[in-house]
Amino acid sequence: MRGWWQDLTDLVLPGECGGCGVPRTVLCARCRAVLCGAAVRRVRPVPEPPGLPVVHAAARYADEVRATLLAHKERGALALAGPLGEALAGAVRTGLRAASASAEAGVAWSRGGRAPVLLVPVPSGRRSVRARGHDPSRRIALAAAGELRRRGVSARMAGVLRQRRAVADQSGLNSRQRLDNLAGALAVAPAGARLLSAGPVVLVDDVMTTGASLAEAARAVRAVSARPGGPPGAPGPIPNAAWTSAVYGGETWESREEQNVGSRQERTGRRPDRQVHAGVDDAGGVVDVVCAAVVAASPDSFEINRN
């Protein structure tokens, strides 16, 4: 209810630009150009965490872009999800093109056939979701999926990652501490394994700093392939799944829209084509983490690509 009311208020009575503070607009033309008009670039944090997929970012996390992301995340300017999703969609498209050009990734991409690209957001902590009233990455991912469909790319948001244990606040931690803090913290919800094996996966987030969150998300998604019939000690369902359902089940329109997308597919009987691989249970399947995309990344991660 809180999210619905905030959405309506933002649309009817826009306060000020999320990027620069100009009154009576959600995001002014200049700030939108900074967010969505720059060339998407591959970004690499230093040091680069093990297991991090190829990441593309739409903009540098600075100035107007930083202010816009914080306005959406911390101040509840939910109407900013639209332009942020547009920026994220651009990063996803660039990442998919780069993956298709790679011989190794091209094989994995071809397995998806006509299946939709699955945008899997890195989830916020349950305390943050409750405090903010929404999960920013999920909301932006849903907007990005809609933008991709408008551009002719079959895509949907798949919010299947959950935190399996509490983690400390990442602010103030260095790259090594963030890796340790997040190690083993994420897992795929039990019902998510089948969905993830139905198409190519692109991990998405609002911001990348050290890359620890995306690396952990990639580990959790790839672990799905090892569940049924996999090696001993493969990760299983999330402990205490009840509280994760309660936290995320109470979210605003992004959760309901995700459920509606699945319902429409079931009602029409249309299911994406996919290949079932020998020796892999149909509920698990082989998961292709094609790449990752973020709205913004630290300026340092851009600089490394100039050398």
Protein backbone atom coordinates (compact mmCIF):
# COMPACT_ATOMS: atom_id res chain seq x y z
CA MET A 1 0.00 0.00 0.00
CA ARG A 2 2.82 2.37 0.87
CA GLY A 3 4.53 1.74 -2.46
CA TRP A 4 1.30 2.21 -4.45
CA TRP A 5 0.59 5.53 -2.75
CA GLN A 6 4.16 6.74 -3.29
CA ASP A 7 3.95 5.82 -6.99
CA LEU A 8 0.73 7.82 -7.39
CA THR A 9 2.11 10.82 -5.52
CA ASP A 10 5.29 10.89 -7.61
CA LEU A 11 3.33 10.81 -10.86
CA VAL A 12 0.72 13.43 -9.95
CA LEU A 13 2.85 15.78 -7.85
CA PRO A 14 6.50 15.47 -8.92
CA GLY A 15 8.61 17.29 -6.35
CA GLU A 16 12.08 17.84 -7.72
CA CYS A 17 14.60 16.29 -10.06
CA GLY A 18 16.26 13.32 -8.40
CA GLY A 19 19.60 14.27 -9.90
CA CYS A 20 19.95 18.03 -9.48
CA GLY A 21 16.94 19.23 -7.50
CA VAL A 22 15.24 21.30 -10.23
CA PRO A 23 11.61 21.65 -9.11
CA ARG A 24 8.49 20.08 -10.64
CA THR A 25 10.09 17.21 -12.51
CA VAL A 26 10.99 13.64 -11.64
CA LEU A 27 14.23 13.75 -13.66
CA CYS A 28 15.22 16.72 -15.81
CA ALA A 29 16.43 16.34 -19.39
CA ARG A 30 20.05 17.09 -18.49
CA CYS A 31 20.20 14.50 -15.70
CA ARG A 32 18.41 11.93 -17.87
CA ALA A 33 21.05 12.47 -20.55
CA VAL A 34 23.84 11.88 -18.01
CA LEU A 35 22.11 8.70 -16.79
CA CYS A 36 21.02 7.21 -20.12
CA GLY A 37 23.03 9.03 -22.77
CA ALA A 38 26.58 7.91 -21.99
CA ALA A 39 28.18 4.98 -23.79
CA VAL A 40 27.77 1.74 -21.87
CA ARG A 41 31.15 0.38 -20.83
CA ARG A 42 32.51 -2.86 -19.45
CA VAL A 43 33.66 -2.30 -15.87
CA ARG A 44 36.18 -4.18 -13.74
CA PRO A 45 36.70 -3.54 -10.03
CA VAL A 46 40.23 -3.72 -8.66
CA PRO A 47 40.83 -6.25 -7.23
CA GLU A 48 38.35 -8.30 -9.27
CA PRO A 49 36.60 -10.91 -7.09
CA PRO A 50 36.74 -14.55 -8.19
CA GLY A 51 33.73 -15.71 -10.15
CA LEU A 52 32.60 -12.24 -11.23
CA PRO A 53 30.90 -12.40 -14.64
CA VAL A 54 31.51 -9.78 -17.31
CA VAL A 55 29.83 -6.59 -16.07
CA HIS A 56 28.60 -3.60 -18.08
CA ALA A 57 27.52 -0.29 -16.57
CA ALA A 58 25.45 2.52 -18.02
CA ALA A 59 27.07 5.38 -16.09
CA ARG A 60 29.61 6.37 -13.47
CA TYR A 61 28.43 6.40 -9.88
CA ALA A 62 29.02 10.10 -9.29
CA ASP A 63 27.26 13.47 -9.21
CA GLU A 64 23.77 13.42 -10.78
CA VAL A 65 23.72 9.64 -11.25
CA ARG A 66 24.63 9.00 -7.63
CA ALA A 67 21.99 11.49 -6.46
CA THR A 68 19.34 9.85 -8.66
CA LEU A 69 20.08 6.36 -7.37
CA LEU A 70 20.04 7.52 -3.75
CA ALA A 71 16.77 9.41 -4.27
CA HIS A 72 15.17 6.23 -5.56
CA LYS A 73 16.72 3.93 -2.98
CA GLU A 74 16.72 5.97 0.21
CA ARG A 75 14.14 8.72 -0.29
CA GLY A 76 11.41 6.69 -1.96
CA ALA A 77 11.33 8.55 -5.28
CA LEU A 78 9.79 5.49 -6.92
CA ALA A 79 9.01 7.18 -10.24
CA LEU A 80 12.76 7.19 -10.89
CA ALA A 81 12.57 3.43 -11.48
CA GLY A 82 11.54 4.21 -15.07
CA PRO A 83 14.65 6.12 -16.19
CA LEU A 84 16.89 3.91 -14.04
CA GLY A 85 15.37 0.85 -15.71
CA GLU A 86 15.98 2.43 -19.10
CA ALA A 87 19.66 2.88 -18.24
CA LEU A 88 19.91 -0.68 -16.95
CA ALA A 89 18.25 -2.03 -20.10
CA GLY A 90 20.94 -0.34 -22.18
CA ALA A 91 23.65 -2.05 -20.13
CA VAL A 92 21.90 -5.41 -20.50
CA ARG A 93 21.66 -5.04 -24.28
CA THR A 94 25.35 -4.19 -24.56
CA GLY A 95 26.26 -7.14 -22.36
CA LEU A 96 24.16 -9.52 -24.46
CA ARG A 97 25.75 -8.27 -27.68
CA ALA A 98 29.22 -8.75 -26.19
CA ALA A 99 28.30 -12.24 -25.02
CA SER A 100 26.99 -13.18 -28.46
CA ALA A 101 30.27 -12.05 -30.00
CA SER A 102 32.24 -14.35 -27.69
CA ALA A 103 32.73 -17.88 -28.99
CA GLU A 104 32.40 -19.45 -25.55
CA ALA A 105 29.45 -17.35 -24.42
CA GLY A 106 27.86 -17.62 -27.84
CA VAL A 107 27.45 -21.37 -27.36
CA ALA A 108 25.78 -20.80 -24.01
CA TRP A 109 23.59 -18.07 -25.47
CA SER A 110 22.40 -20.32 -28.29
CA ARG A 111 21.05 -22.81 -25.74
CA GLY A 112 18.43 -20.25 -24.76
CA GLY A 113 16.83 -20.37 -28.22
CA ARG A 114 13.73 -18.21 -28.11
CA ALA A 115 13.55 -18.28 -24.32
CA PRO A 116 13.34 -14.89 -22.64
CA VAL A 117 16.38 -13.34 -21.06
CA LEU A 118 16.01 -13.60 -17.28
CA LEU A 119 17.05 -10.51 -15.33
CA VAL A 120 18.01 -11.73 -11.85
CA PRO A 121 18.45 -8.85 -9.38
CA VAL A 122 20.80 -8.98 -6.41
CA PRO A 123 18.40 -8.75 -3.44
CA SER A 124 18.59 -6.16 -0.70
CA GLY A 125 18.77 -7.29 2.92
CA ARG A 126 15.44 -7.95 4.62
CA ARG A 127 15.97 -5.10 7.09
CA SER A 128 16.60 -2.67 4.26
CA VAL A 129 13.52 -3.86 2.39
CA ARG A 130 11.36 -3.30 5.44
CA ALA A 131 12.85 0.09 6.17
CA ARG A 132 12.55 1.36 2.59
CA GLY A 133 9.26 -0.29 1.76
CA HIS A 134 10.67 -1.72 -1.47
CA ASP A 135 13.67 -3.49 -2.95
CA PRO A 136 15.36 -0.97 -5.31
CA SER A 137 17.17 -3.52 -7.47
CA ARG A 138 14.03 -5.58 -8.05
CA ARG A 139 12.03 -2.51 -8.94
CA ILE A 140 14.66 -1.28 -11.42
CA ALA A 141 15.05 -4.78 -12.88
CA LEU A 142 11.32 -4.99 -13.52
CA ALA A 143 11.39 -1.60 -15.27
CA ALA A 144 14.39 -2.74 -17.33
CA ALA A 145 12.59 -5.91 -18.41
CA GLY A 146 9.68 -3.81 -19.62
CA GLU A 147 12.02 -1.48 -21.50
CA LEU A 148 13.76 -4.43 -23.16
CA ARG A 149 10.43 -5.85 -24.33
CA ARG A 150 9.55 -2.48 -25.83
CA ARG A 151 12.85 -2.65 -27.74
CA GLY A 152 12.03 -6.10 -29.08
CA VAL A 153 14.07 -8.18 -26.62
CA SER A 154 12.14 -10.96 -24.91
CA ALA A 155 12.90 -10.47 -21.23
CA ARG A 156 11.43 -10.87 -17.78
CA MET A 157 12.51 -10.21 -14.23
CA ALA A 158 13.17 -13.28 -12.10
CA GLY A 159 13.57 -12.31 -8.45
CA VAL A 160 14.66 -15.74 -7.27
CA LEU A 161 17.67 -14.90 -5.11
CA ARG A 162 17.25 -14.74 -1.35
CA GLN A 163 19.55 -14.09 1.59
CA ARG A 164 20.08 -17.33 3.49
CA ARG A 165 21.72 -15.59 6.45
CA ALA A 166 22.12 -12.10 7.85
CA VAL A 167 25.03 -10.00 6.58
CA ALA A 168 26.69 -6.91 8.00
CA ASP A 169 26.26 -3.46 6.50
CA GLN A 170 28.63 -3.27 3.53
CA SER A 171 29.43 0.42 3.91
CA GLY A 172 32.85 0.91 5.45
CA LEU A 173 34.08 -2.55 4.45
CA ASN A 174 36.97 -3.02 2.03
CA SER A 175 36.85 -5.44 -0.90
CA ARG A 176 38.25 -8.39 1.07
CA GLN A 177 35.87 -7.81 3.97
CA ARG A 178 32.91 -7.56 1.60
CA LEU A 179 33.80 -10.89 0.02
CA ASP A 180 34.00 -12.53 3.45
CA ASN A 181 30.77 -10.85 4.56
CA LEU A 182 28.81 -12.13 1.56
CA ALA A 183 30.40 -15.58 1.13
CA GLY A 184 27.57 -18.11 0.97
CA ALA A 185 24.98 -15.49 1.87
CA LEU A 186 22.74 -15.92 -1.19
CA ALA A 187 20.81 -18.87 -2.54
CA VAL A 188 18.11 -19.51 -5.11
CA ALA A 189 14.61 -20.00 -3.75
CA PRO A 190 13.45 -23.63 -4.12
CA ALA A 191 10.93 -22.76 -6.83
CA GLY A 192 13.49 -20.75 -8.79
CA ALA A 193 15.64 -23.58 -10.16
CA ARG A 194 13.23 -24.52 -12.94
CA LEU A 195 12.79 -20.89 -13.99
CA LEU A 196 16.54 -20.23 -14.16
CA SER A 197 17.15 -23.21 -16.44
CA ALA A 198 14.54 -21.94 -18.91
CA GLY A 199 16.68 -19.20 -20.41
CA PRO A 200 19.92 -17.21 -20.29
CA VAL A 201 20.50 -15.33 -17.03
CA VAL A 202 21.74 -11.76 -16.70
CA LEU A 203 22.52 -10.68 -13.14
CA VAL A 204 21.53 -7.08 -12.45
CA ASP A 205 22.02 -4.54 -9.67
CA ASP A 206 21.73 -0.81 -9.22
CA VAL A 207 25.38 -0.12 -8.29
CA MET A 208 28.65 -2.06 -8.39
CA THR A 209 31.53 -1.00 -6.17
CA THR A 210 33.80 -3.95 -5.31
CA GLY A 211 31.81 -6.56 -7.26
CA ALA A 212 31.38 -8.78 -4.20
CA SER A 213 27.57 -8.83 -4.40
CA LEU A 214 27.50 -9.79 -8.08
CA ALA A 215 30.18 -12.46 -7.57
CA GLU A 216 28.16 -14.02 -4.74
CA ALA A 217 24.98 -13.84 -6.82
CA ALA A 218 26.75 -15.59 -9.69
CA ARG A 219 27.96 -18.35 -7.35
CA ALA A 220 24.45 -18.89 -6.01
CA VAL A 221 22.86 -19.03 -9.46
CA ARG A 222 25.51 -21.36 -10.88
CA ALA A 223 25.08 -23.67 -7.88
CA VAL A 224 21.55 -24.48 -9.06
CA SER A 225 22.99 -26.67 -11.82
CA ALA A 226 24.64 -28.88 -9.22
CA ARG A 227 21.52 -29.66 -7.16
CA PRO A 228 19.62 -32.70 -8.45
CA GLY A 229 22.08 -35.39 -9.48
CA GLY A 230 24.99 -33.08 -8.73
CA PRO A 231 28.12 -33.68 -6.70
CA PRO A 232 27.98 -34.34 -2.96
CA GLY A 233 27.67 -31.24 -0.85
CA ALA A 234 25.87 -29.21 -3.53
CA PRO A 235 23.81 -26.38 -2.05
CA GLY A 236 20.21 -27.22 -1.27
CA PRO A 237 17.13 -25.13 -0.52
CA ILE A 238 17.40 -22.04 1.62
CA PRO A 239 17.15 -22.55 5.37
CA ASN A 240 14.28 -20.65 7.01
CA ALA A 241 12.61 -20.02 3.65
CA ALA A 242 9.45 -18.96 5.46
CA TRP A 243 10.83 -15.60 6.57
CA THR A 244 12.20 -14.82 3.12
CA SER A 245 8.76 -15.44 1.65
CA ALA A 246 7.23 -13.17 4.25
CA VAL A 247 9.70 -10.35 3.62
CA TYR A 248 9.53 -10.42 -0.16
CA GLY A 249 5.90 -11.44 -0.38
CA GLY A 250 4.96 -8.16 1.25
CA GLU A 251 6.64 -5.95 -1.33
CA THR A 252 4.84 -3.49 -3.55
CA TRP A 253 3.92 -3.73 -7.23
CA GLU A 254 7.16 -5.31 -8.47
CA SER A 255 6.41 -8.60 -6.68
CA ARG A 256 2.82 -8.69 -7.89
CA GLU A 257 3.81 -7.92 -11.47
CA GLU A 258 6.38 -10.73 -11.42
CA GLN A 259 3.65 -13.14 -10.31
CA ASN A 260 1.30 -11.82 -13.00
CA VAL A 261 3.85 -12.48 -15.74
CA GLY A 262 4.11 -16.11 -14.69
CA SER A 263 0.34 -16.44 -14.46
CA ARG A 264 -0.15 -15.12 -17.98
CA GLN A 265 2.32 -17.65 -19.34
CA GLU A 266 0.53 -20.51 -17.61
CA ARG A 267 -2.92 -19.37 -18.78
CA THR A 268 -1.88 -19.08 -22.42
CA GLY A 269 0.05 -22.33 -22.31
CA ARG A 270 3.10 -20.68 -23.84
CA ARG A 271 6.37 -21.86 -22.36
CA PRO A 272 9.80 -20.87 -23.64
CA ASP A 273 11.64 -23.45 -25.66
CA ARG A 274 14.56 -24.96 -23.84
CA GLN A 275 16.86 -27.90 -24.13
CA VAL A 276 16.89 -30.49 -21.34
CA HIS A 277 20.43 -31.75 -20.92
CA ALA A 278 21.18 -35.37 -20.33
CA GLY A 279 21.71 -36.30 -16.71
CA VAL A 280 20.19 -33.08 -15.37
CA ASP A 281 16.88 -33.17 -13.55
CA ASP A 282 14.15 -31.13 -15.25
CA ALA A 283 13.59 -29.08 -12.11
CA GLY A 284 17.19 -27.99 -12.02
CA GLY A 285 18.71 -27.83 -15.49
CA VAL A 286 21.83 -26.07 -16.63
CA VAL A 287 21.97 -22.38 -15.82
CA ASP A 288 23.72 -19.95 -18.14
CA VAL A 289 25.00 -16.81 -16.39
CA VAL A 290 25.61 -14.87 -19.58
CA CYS A 291 26.78 -11.59 -18.05
CA ALA A 292 25.91 -8.93 -15.47
CA ALA A 293 24.69 -5.35 -15.83
CA VAL A 294 24.37 -2.40 -13.47
CA VAL A 295 23.03 1.13 -13.69
CA ALA A 296 26.26 2.60 -12.32
CA ALA A 297 29.72 1.57 -11.19
CA SER A 298 32.51 3.30 -9.34
CA PRO A 299 34.58 5.65 -11.54
CA ASP A 300 37.72 3.60 -10.80
CA SER A 301 36.19 0.53 -12.43
CA PHE A 302 35.78 2.56 -15.64
CA GLU A 303 39.33 3.87 -15.56
CA ILE A 304 40.89 0.41 -15.59
CA ASN A 305 39.48 -0.21 -19.08
CA ARG A 306 41.45 2.65 -20.61
CA ASN A 307 44.76 0.81 -20.26
